[in-house]
C-alpha atoms as a PDB file:
ATOM      1  CA  MET A   1      -7.023  10.397   2.519  1.00  0.00           C
ATOM      2  CA  SER A   2      -5.590   8.593  -0.324  1.00  0.00           C
ATOM      3  CA  LYS A   3      -7.557   6.139  -2.632  1.00  0.00           C
ATOM      4  CA  THR A   4      -7.699   2.401  -2.231  1.00  0.00           C
ATOM      5  CA  LEU A   5      -5.337   0.335  -4.666  1.00  0.00           C
ATOM      6  CA  LYS A   6      -5.875  -3.005  -5.771  1.00  0.00           C
ATOM      7  CA  PRO A   7      -3.440  -5.777  -4.893  1.00  0.00           C
ATOM      8  CA  GLY A   8      -1.023  -6.035  -7.748  1.00  0.00           C
ATOM      9  CA  THR A   9      -0.719  -2.364  -8.459  1.00  0.00           C
ATOM     10  CA  PRO A  10       2.580  -0.650  -8.631  1.00  0.00           C
ATOM     11  CA  ALA A  11       2.950   1.358  -5.605  1.00  0.00           C
ATOM     12  CA  PRO A  12       2.992   5.074  -6.600  1.00  0.00           C
ATOM     13  CA  LYS A  13       5.060   6.057  -3.709  1.00  0.00           C
ATOM     14  CA  SER A  14       7.421   4.287  -0.770  1.00  0.00           C
ATOM     15  CA  GLY A  15       5.838   4.086   2.334  1.00  0.00           C
ATOM     16  CA  GLN A  16       3.501   1.754   4.781  1.00  0.00           C
ATOM     17  CA  TYR A  17       0.268   0.840   3.113  1.00  0.00           C
ATOM     18  CA  GLN A  18      -2.415  -0.435   5.245  1.00  0.00           C
ATOM     19  CA  ASN A  19      -5.290  -2.993   4.088  1.00  0.00           C
ATOM     20  CA  PRO A  20      -8.227  -1.285   6.012  1.00  0.00           C
ATOM     21  CA  GLY A  21     -10.275  -4.739   6.111  1.00  0.00           C
ATOM     22  CA  THR A  22      -7.408  -6.023   8.551  1.00  0.00           C
ATOM     23  CA  GLY A  23      -5.575  -3.245   9.763  1.00  0.00           C
ATOM     24  CA  ASN A  24      -2.260  -5.046   8.708  1.00  0.00           C
ATOM     25  CA  GLU A  25       0.609  -2.798   7.056  1.00  0.00           C
ATOM     26  CA  VAL A  26       2.991  -3.850   4.398  1.00  0.00           C
ATOM     27  CA  THR A  27       6.020  -1.842   3.210  1.00  0.00           C
ATOM     28  CA  GLY A  28       5.454  -0.677  -0.598  1.00  0.00           C
ATOM     29  CA  VAL A  29       8.463   0.145  -2.517  1.00  0.00           C
ATOM     30  CA  LYS A  30       7.639   2.827  -5.543  1.00  0.00           C
ATOM     31  CA  GLY A  31       6.777   0.675  -8.850  1.00  0.00           C
ATOM     32  CA  LYS A  32       7.039  -2.522  -7.199  1.00  0.00           C
ATOM     33  CA  SER A  33       3.544  -4.451  -7.122  1.00  0.00           C
ATOM     34  CA  LEU A  34       1.409  -4.579  -3.869  1.00  0.00           C
ATOM     35  CA  PRO A  35       1.062  -8.071  -2.532  1.00  0.00           C
ATOM     36  CA  PRO A  36      -2.114  -9.920  -2.490  1.00  0.00           C
ATOM     37  CA  THR A  37      -4.913  -9.514   0.103  1.00  0.00           C
ATOM     38  CA  PRO A  38      -6.436 -11.870   2.363  1.00  0.00           C
ATOM     39  CA  ARG A  39     -10.097 -11.537   0.792  1.00  0.00           C
ATOM     40  CA  PRO A  40     -11.202 -10.610  -2.763  1.00  0.00           C
ATOM     41  CA  GLY A  41     -12.133  -6.795  -2.893  1.00  0.00           C
ATOM     42  CA  GLN A  42      -9.845  -5.592  -0.455  1.00  0.00           C
ATOM     43  CA  GLY A  43      -6.951  -3.024  -1.224  1.00  0.00           C
ATOM     44  CA  TYR A  44      -4.283  -0.680   0.562  1.00  0.00           C
ATOM     45  CA  LYS A  45      -4.076   2.843   1.303  1.00  0.00           C
ATOM     46  CA  LEU A  46      -0.839   4.704   1.733  1.00  0.00           C
ATOM     47  CA  VAL A  47      -0.705   5.695   5.754  1.00  0.00           C
ATOM     48  CA  ASP A  48       2.700   6.709   6.091  1.00  0.00           C
ATOM     49  CA  PRO A  49       5.148   7.759   2.872  1.00  0.00           C
ATOM     50  CA  THR A  50       8.939   7.191   3.221  1.00  0.00           C
ATOM     51  CA  THR A  51      10.714  10.584   3.568  1.00  0.00           C
ATOM     52  CA  HIS A  52      14.065  11.148   1.904  1.00  0.00           C
ATOM     53  CA  LYS A  53      16.600  13.769   3.022  1.00  0.00           C
ATOM     54  CA  ARG A  54      19.520  14.559   0.915  1.00  0.00           C
END
């Protein structure tokens, strides 16, 4: 399982990130900051990385 990332941290990979405290998911784009969470001390975990076919 991936580590918990703090809000404002650049997403290491593109994909769906879940806030374990609420169960809500957000789409993270590699290199872009993760959004704020509803409560202090919460974070995000990568639950569904984006796959690219070329």
